[in-house]
PDB file of N, CA and C in Angstrom:
ATOM      1  N   MET A   1      41.830  24.703  -3.722  1.00  0.00           N
ATOM      2  CA  MET A   1      42.240  25.593  -2.643  1.00  0.00           C
ATOM      3  C   MET A   1      43.610  25.174  -2.130  1.00  0.00           C
ATOM      4  N   MET A   2      44.339  26.176  -1.646  1.00  0.00           N
ATOM      5  CA  MET A   2      45.651  25.926  -1.045  1.00  0.00           C
ATOM      6  C   MET A   2      45.851  26.931   0.083  1.00  0.00           C
ATOM      7  N   PRO A   3      46.718  26.583   1.049  1.00  0.00           N
ATOM      8  CA  PRO A   3      46.972  27.534   2.144  1.00  0.00           C
ATOM      9  C   PRO A   3      47.780  28.731   1.643  1.00  0.00           C
ATOM     10  N   LEU A   4      47.611  29.849   2.303  1.00  0.00           N
ATOM     11  CA  LEU A   4      48.308  31.075   1.932  1.00  0.00           C
ATOM     12  C   LEU A   4      49.825  30.908   1.950  1.00  0.00           C
ATOM     13  N   THR A   5      50.328  29.994   2.752  1.00  0.00           N
ATOM     14  CA  THR A   5      51.776  29.817   2.885  1.00  0.00           C
ATOM     15  C   THR A   5      52.459  29.425   1.583  1.00  0.00           C
ATOM     16  N   ILE A   6      51.725  28.852   0.622  1.00  0.00           N
ATOM     17  CA  ILE A   6      52.369  28.463  -0.640  1.00  0.00           C
ATOM     18  C   ILE A   6      51.996  29.392  -1.798  1.00  0.00           C
ATOM     19  N   ALA A   7      51.447  30.559  -1.479  1.00  0.00           N
ATOM     20  CA  ALA A   7      51.102  31.543  -2.509  1.00  0.00           C
ATOM     21  C   ALA A   7      52.374  32.172  -3.070  1.00  0.00           C
ATOM     22  N   ASP A   8      52.299  32.570  -4.335  1.00  0.00           N
ATOM     23  CA  ASP A   8      53.413  33.260  -4.984  1.00  0.00           C
ATOM     24  C   ASP A   8      53.415  34.726  -4.576  1.00  0.00           C
ATOM     25  N   GLU A   9      54.618  35.268  -4.337  1.00  0.00           N
ATOM     26  CA  GLU A   9      54.735  36.683  -4.004  1.00  0.00           C
ATOM     27  C   GLU A   9      54.305  37.534  -5.189  1.00  0.00           C
ATOM     28  N   GLY A  10      53.566  38.597  -4.903  1.00  0.00           N
ATOM     29  CA  GLY A  10      53.165  39.546  -5.920  1.00  0.00           C
ATOM     30  C   GLY A  10      51.925  39.173  -6.709  1.00  0.00           C
ATOM     31  N   LYS A  11      51.385  37.994  -6.506  1.00  0.00           N
ATOM     32  CA  LYS A  11      50.191  37.559  -7.227  1.00  0.00           C
ATOM     33  C   LYS A  11      48.969  37.753  -6.332  1.00  0.00           C
ATOM     34  N   GLU A  12      47.877  38.256  -6.919  1.00  0.00           N
ATOM     35  CA  GLU A  12      46.657  38.494  -6.149  1.00  0.00           C
ATOM     36  C   GLU A  12      45.787  37.239  -6.121  1.00  0.00           C
ATOM     37  N   TYR A  13      45.266  36.936  -4.957  1.00  0.00           N
ATOM     38  CA  TYR A  13      44.395  35.783  -4.751  1.00  0.00           C
ATOM     39  C   TYR A  13      43.124  36.242  -4.054  1.00  0.00           C
ATOM     40  N   THR A  14      42.112  35.381  -4.061  1.00  0.00           N
ATOM     41  CA  THR A  14      40.880  35.631  -3.311  1.00  0.00           C
ATOM     42  C   THR A  14      40.812  34.625  -2.169  1.00  0.00           C
ATOM     43  N   ILE A  15      40.532  35.106  -0.969  1.00  0.00           N
ATOM     44  CA  ILE A  15      40.392  34.218   0.187  1.00  0.00           C
ATOM     45  C   ILE A  15      39.128  33.390   0.006  1.00  0.00           C
ATOM     46  N   GLN A  16      39.268  32.076   0.052  1.00  0.00           N
ATOM     47  CA  GLN A  16      38.134  31.176  -0.126  1.00  0.00           C
ATOM     48  C   GLN A  16      37.511  30.769   1.211  1.00  0.00           C
ATOM     49  N   ARG A  17      38.377  30.533   2.215  1.00  0.00           N
ATOM     50  CA  ARG A  17      37.877  30.021   3.500  1.00  0.00           C
ATOM     51  C   ARG A  17      38.898  30.327   4.579  1.00  0.00           C
ATOM     52  N   ILE A  18      38.405  30.542   5.797  1.00  0.00           N
ATOM     53  CA  ILE A  18      39.253  30.744   6.970  1.00  0.00           C
ATOM     54  C   ILE A  18      38.994  29.588   7.920  1.00  0.00           C
ATOM     55  N   GLY A  19      40.042  28.879   8.306  1.00  0.00           N
ATOM     56  CA  GLY A  19      39.899  27.744   9.216  1.00  0.00           C
ATOM     57  C   GLY A  19      40.283  28.127  10.638  1.00  0.00           C
ATOM     58  N   GLY A  20      40.296  27.138  11.501  1.00  0.00           N
ATOM     59  CA  GLY A  20      40.686  27.350  12.887  1.00  0.00           C
ATOM     60  C   GLY A  20      39.497  27.434  13.812  1.00  0.00           C
ATOM     61  N   ASN A  21      39.797  27.626  15.094  1.00  0.00           N
ATOM     62  CA  ASN A  21      38.731  27.724  16.092  1.00  0.00           C
ATOM     63  C   ASN A  21      38.064  29.101  16.000  1.00  0.00           C
ATOM     64  N   PRO A  22      36.930  29.292  16.654  1.00  0.00           N
ATOM     65  CA  PRO A  22      36.210  30.574  16.540  1.00  0.00           C
ATOM     66  C   PRO A  22      37.047  31.794  16.923  1.00  0.00           C
ATOM     67  N   GLU A  23      37.896  31.667  17.933  1.00  0.00           N
ATOM     68  CA  GLU A  23      38.732  32.796  18.345  1.00  0.00           C
ATOM     69  C   GLU A  23      39.735  33.158  17.260  1.00  0.00           C
ATOM     70  N   THR A  24      40.327  32.150  16.631  1.00  0.00           N
ATOM     71  CA  THR A  24      41.293  32.388  15.561  1.00  0.00           C
ATOM     72  C   THR A  24      40.610  33.033  14.365  1.00  0.00           C
ATOM     73  N   ARG A  25      39.450  32.523  13.989  1.00  0.00           N
ATOM     74  CA  ARG A  25      38.723  33.094  12.854  1.00  0.00           C
ATOM     75  C   ARG A  25      38.339  34.543  13.129  1.00  0.00           C
ATOM     76  N   GLN A  26      37.922  34.851  14.354  1.00  0.00           N
ATOM     77  CA  GLN A  26      37.550  36.221  14.705  1.00  0.00           C
ATOM     78  C   GLN A  26      38.777  37.133  14.672  1.00  0.00           C
ATOM     79  N   HIS A  27      39.909  36.651  15.179  1.00  0.00           N
ATOM     80  CA  HIS A  27      41.148  37.439  15.156  1.00  0.00           C
ATOM     81  C   HIS A  27      41.532  37.773  13.719  1.00  0.00           C
ATOM     82  N   LEU A  28      41.477  36.777  12.835  1.00  0.00           N
ATOM     83  CA  LEU A  28      41.811  37.013  11.431  1.00  0.00           C
ATOM     84  C   LEU A  28      40.805  37.960  10.781  1.00  0.00           C
ATOM     85  N   ALA A  29      39.527  37.821  11.111  1.00  0.00           N
ATOM     86  CA  ALA A  29      38.505  38.729  10.571  1.00  0.00           C
ATOM     87  C   ALA A  29      38.772  40.164  11.024  1.00  0.00           C
ATOM     88  N   ASP A  30      39.194  40.335  12.280  1.00  0.00           N
ATOM     89  CA  ASP A  30      39.516  41.671  12.794  1.00  0.00           C
ATOM     90  C   ASP A  30      40.679  42.298  12.024  1.00  0.00           C
ATOM     91  N   LEU A  31      41.584  41.452  11.512  1.00  0.00           N
ATOM     92  CA  LEU A  31      42.720  41.942  10.731  1.00  0.00           C
ATOM     93  C   LEU A  31      42.356  42.172   9.262  1.00  0.00           C
ATOM     94  N   GLY A  32      41.153  41.752   8.856  1.00  0.00           N
ATOM     95  CA  GLY A  32      40.711  41.962   7.488  1.00  0.00           C
ATOM     96  C   GLY A  32      40.690  40.714   6.632  1.00  0.00           C
ATOM     97  N   PHE A  33      41.015  39.566   7.214  1.00  0.00           N
ATOM     98  CA  PHE A  33      41.037  38.311   6.469  1.00  0.00           C
ATOM     99  C   PHE A  33      39.660  37.658   6.518  1.00  0.00           C
ATOM    100  N   VAL A  34      38.842  37.935   5.510  1.00  0.00           N
ATOM    101  CA  VAL A  34      37.510  37.349   5.418  1.00  0.00           C
ATOM    102  C   VAL A  34      37.333  36.742   4.034  1.00  0.00           C
ATOM    103  N   ALA A  35      36.499  35.718   3.946  1.00  0.00           N
ATOM    104  CA  ALA A  35      36.245  35.059   2.664  1.00  0.00           C
ATOM    105  C   ALA A  35      35.753  36.073   1.642  1.00  0.00           C
ATOM    106  N   GLY A  36      36.306  35.988   0.439  1.00  0.00           N
ATOM    107  CA  GLY A  36      35.932  36.894  -0.635  1.00  0.00           C
ATOM    108  C   GLY A  36      36.866  38.073  -0.791  1.00  0.00           C
ATOM    109  N   SER A  37      37.718  38.339   0.215  1.00  0.00           N
ATOM    110  CA  SER A  37      38.657  39.457   0.134  1.00  0.00           C
ATOM    111  C   SER A  37      39.819  39.107  -0.786  1.00  0.00           C
ATOM    112  N   LYS A  38      40.358  40.129  -1.439  1.00  0.00           N
ATOM    113  CA  LYS A  38      41.558  39.970  -2.256  1.00  0.00           C
ATOM    114  C   LYS A  38      42.770  40.082  -1.344  1.00  0.00           C
ATOM    115  N   ILE A  39      43.790  39.276  -1.638  1.00  0.00           N
ATOM    116  CA  ILE A  39      44.990  39.245  -0.812  1.00  0.00           C
ATOM    117  C   ILE A  39      46.208  39.063  -1.709  1.00  0.00           C
ATOM    118  N   CYS A  40      47.308  39.683  -1.336  1.00  0.00           N
ATOM    119  CA  CYS A  40      48.544  39.585  -2.110  1.00  0.00           C
ATOM    120  C   CYS A  40      49.714  39.457  -1.141  1.00  0.00           C
ATOM    121  N   VAL A  41      50.561  38.450  -1.348  1.00  0.00           N
ATOM    122  CA  VAL A  41      51.740  38.267  -0.507  1.00  0.00           C
ATOM    123  C   VAL A  41      52.815  39.247  -0.971  1.00  0.00           C
ATOM    124  N   VAL A  42      53.278  40.106  -0.056  1.00  0.00           N
ATOM    125  CA  VAL A  42      54.318  41.084  -0.362  1.00  0.00           C
ATOM    126  C   VAL A  42      55.693  40.448  -0.194  1.00  0.00           C
ATOM    127  N   SER A  43      55.884  39.752   0.934  1.00  0.00           N
ATOM    128  CA  SER A  43      57.161  39.081   1.165  1.00  0.00           C
ATOM    129  C   SER A  43      56.985  37.938   2.144  1.00  0.00           C
ATOM    130  N   GLU A  44      57.974  37.045   2.144  1.00  0.00           N
ATOM    131  CA  GLU A  44      57.961  35.863   3.006  1.00  0.00           C
ATOM    132  C   GLU A  44      59.356  35.672   3.580  1.00  0.00           C
ATOM    133  N   ALA A  45      59.423  35.372   4.868  1.00  0.00           N
ATOM    134  CA  ALA A  45      60.698  35.088   5.527  1.00  0.00           C
ATOM    135  C   ALA A  45      60.462  34.037   6.604  1.00  0.00           C
ATOM    136  N   ALA A  46      61.079  32.885   6.444  1.00  0.00           N
ATOM    137  CA  ALA A  46      60.975  31.781   7.408  1.00  0.00           C
ATOM    138  C   ALA A  46      59.523  31.371   7.652  1.00  0.00           C
ATOM    139  N   GLY A  47      58.700  31.454   6.623  1.00  0.00           N
ATOM    140  CA  GLY A  47      57.309  31.057   6.753  1.00  0.00           C
ATOM    141  C   GLY A  47      56.380  32.168   7.194  1.00  0.00           C
ATOM    142  N   ASN A  48      56.931  33.245   7.732  1.00  0.00           N
ATOM    143  CA  ASN A  48      56.120  34.389   8.131  1.00  0.00           C
ATOM    144  C   ASN A  48      55.874  35.267   6.915  1.00  0.00           C
ATOM    145  N   LEU A  49      54.678  35.838   6.824  1.00  0.00           N
ATOM    146  CA  LEU A  49      54.293  36.577   5.631  1.00  0.00           C
ATOM    147  C   LEU A  49      53.925  38.020   5.932  1.00  0.00           C
ATOM    148  N   ILE A  50      54.211  38.893   4.979  1.00  0.00           N
ATOM    149  CA  ILE A  50      53.658  40.238   4.964  1.00  0.00           C
ATOM    150  C   ILE A  50      52.726  40.259   3.766  1.00  0.00           C
ATOM    151  N   VAL A  51      51.468  40.606   4.004  1.00  0.00           N
ATOM    152  CA  VAL A  51      50.461  40.568   2.944  1.00  0.00           C
ATOM    153  C   VAL A  51      49.711  41.883   2.862  1.00  0.00           C
ATOM    154  N   ASN A  52      49.202  42.173   1.678  1.00  0.00           N
ATOM    155  CA  ASN A  52      48.270  43.284   1.480  1.00  0.00           C
ATOM    156  C   ASN A  52      46.875  42.703   1.512  1.00  0.00           C
ATOM    157  N   VAL A  53      46.047  43.204   2.400  1.00  0.00           N
ATOM    158  CA  VAL A  53      44.651  42.798   2.474  1.00  0.00           C
ATOM    159  C   VAL A  53      43.831  44.032   2.841  1.00  0.00           C
ATOM    160  N   LYS A  54      42.792  44.311   2.066  1.00  0.00           N
ATOM    161  CA  LYS A  54      41.923  45.471   2.303  1.00  0.00           C
ATOM    162  C   LYS A  54      42.728  46.764   2.441  1.00  0.00           C
ATOM    163  N   ASN A  55      43.638  46.995   1.507  1.00  0.00           N
ATOM    164  CA  ASN A  55      44.463  48.208   1.447  1.00  0.00           C
ATOM    165  C   ASN A  55      45.340  48.426   2.675  1.00  0.00           C
ATOM    166  N   SER A  56      45.695  47.346   3.370  1.00  0.00           N
ATOM    167  CA  SER A  56      46.593  47.428   4.524  1.00  0.00           C
ATOM    168  C   SER A  56      47.651  46.340   4.412  1.00  0.00           C
ATOM    169  N   ARG A  57      48.814  46.620   4.964  1.00  0.00           N
ATOM    170  CA  ARG A  57      49.851  45.594   5.056  1.00  0.00           C
ATOM    171  C   ARG A  57      49.794  44.989   6.443  1.00  0.00           C
ATOM    172  N   VAL A  58      49.776  43.660   6.474  1.00  0.00           N
ATOM    173  CA  VAL A  58      49.669  42.944   7.740  1.00  0.00           C
ATOM    174  C   VAL A  58      50.719  41.845   7.764  1.00  0.00           C
ATOM    175  N   GLY A  59      51.393  41.693   8.884  1.00  0.00           N
ATOM    176  CA  GLY A  59      52.335  40.597   9.070  1.00  0.00           C
ATOM    177  C   GLY A  59      51.667  39.482   9.859  1.00  0.00           C
ATOM    178  N   ILE A  60      51.773  38.253   9.344  1.00  0.00           N
ATOM    179  CA  ILE A  60      51.190  37.112  10.053  1.00  0.00           C
ATOM    180  C   ILE A  60      52.188  35.966  10.077  1.00  0.00           C
ATOM    181  N   GLY A  61      52.086  35.159  11.106  1.00  0.00           N
ATOM    182  CA  GLY A  61      52.958  34.000  11.265  1.00  0.00           C
ATOM    183  C   GLY A  61      52.493  32.836  10.405  1.00  0.00           C
ATOM    184  N   LYS A  62      53.370  31.861  10.286  1.00  0.00           N
ATOM    185  CA  LYS A  62      53.081  30.686   9.468  1.00  0.00           C
ATOM    186  C   LYS A  62      51.855  29.933   9.959  1.00  0.00           C
ATOM    187  N   ASP A  63      51.690  29.840  11.283  1.00  0.00           N
ATOM    188  CA  ASP A  63      50.546  29.093  11.839  1.00  0.00           C
ATOM    189  C   ASP A  63      49.214  29.727  11.432  1.00  0.00           C
ATOM    190  N   LEU A  64      49.116  31.048  11.429  1.00  0.00           N
ATOM    191  CA  LEU A  64      47.890  31.713  10.999  1.00  0.00           C
ATOM    192  C   LEU A  64      47.731  31.630   9.482  1.00  0.00           C
ATOM    193  N   ALA A  65      48.822  31.763   8.759  1.00  0.00           N
ATOM    194  CA  ALA A  65      48.765  31.709   7.292  1.00  0.00           C
ATOM    195  C   ALA A  65      48.259  30.351   6.814  1.00  0.00           C
ATOM    196  N   MET A  66      48.544  29.300   7.563  1.00  0.00           N
ATOM    197  CA  MET A  66      48.071  27.957   7.186  1.00  0.00           C
ATOM    198  C   MET A  66      46.550  27.837   7.293  1.00  0.00           C
ATOM    199  N   LYS A  67      45.911  28.711   8.046  1.00  0.00           N
ATOM    200  CA  LYS A  67      44.461  28.653   8.238  1.00  0.00           C
ATOM    201  C   LYS A  67      43.707  29.464   7.176  1.00  0.00           C
ATOM    202  N   ILE A  68      44.446  30.225   6.371  1.00  0.00           N
ATOM    203  CA  ILE A  68      43.827  31.041   5.325  1.00  0.00           C
ATOM    204  C   ILE A  68      43.949  30.302   4.002  1.00  0.00           C
ATOM    205  N   MET A  69      42.805  29.885   3.465  1.00  0.00           N
ATOM    206  CA  MET A  69      42.782  29.116   2.216  1.00  0.00           C
ATOM    207  C   MET A  69      42.444  30.043   1.058  1.00  0.00           C
ATOM    208  N   ILE A  70      43.248  29.929  -0.010  1.00  0.00           N
ATOM    209  CA  ILE A  70      43.037  30.767  -1.202  1.00  0.00           C
ATOM    210  C   ILE A  70      42.723  29.879  -2.398  1.00  0.00           C
TER     211      ILE A  70
END
């Protein structure tokens, strides 16, 4: 497993685990980041990511991306 922050752009991954406190995990789940979901990094700028997850594009900061393990 590795954090989402070091994923290659354009490659599809499967979310293995979501870390963080319960509020953070719930926030990410509300955005569609749940274990077993497919995810693809569209672009990265200064550690912030735009990703495709569950047929939606979502922008997340580096701190949240570090909690998503692929």
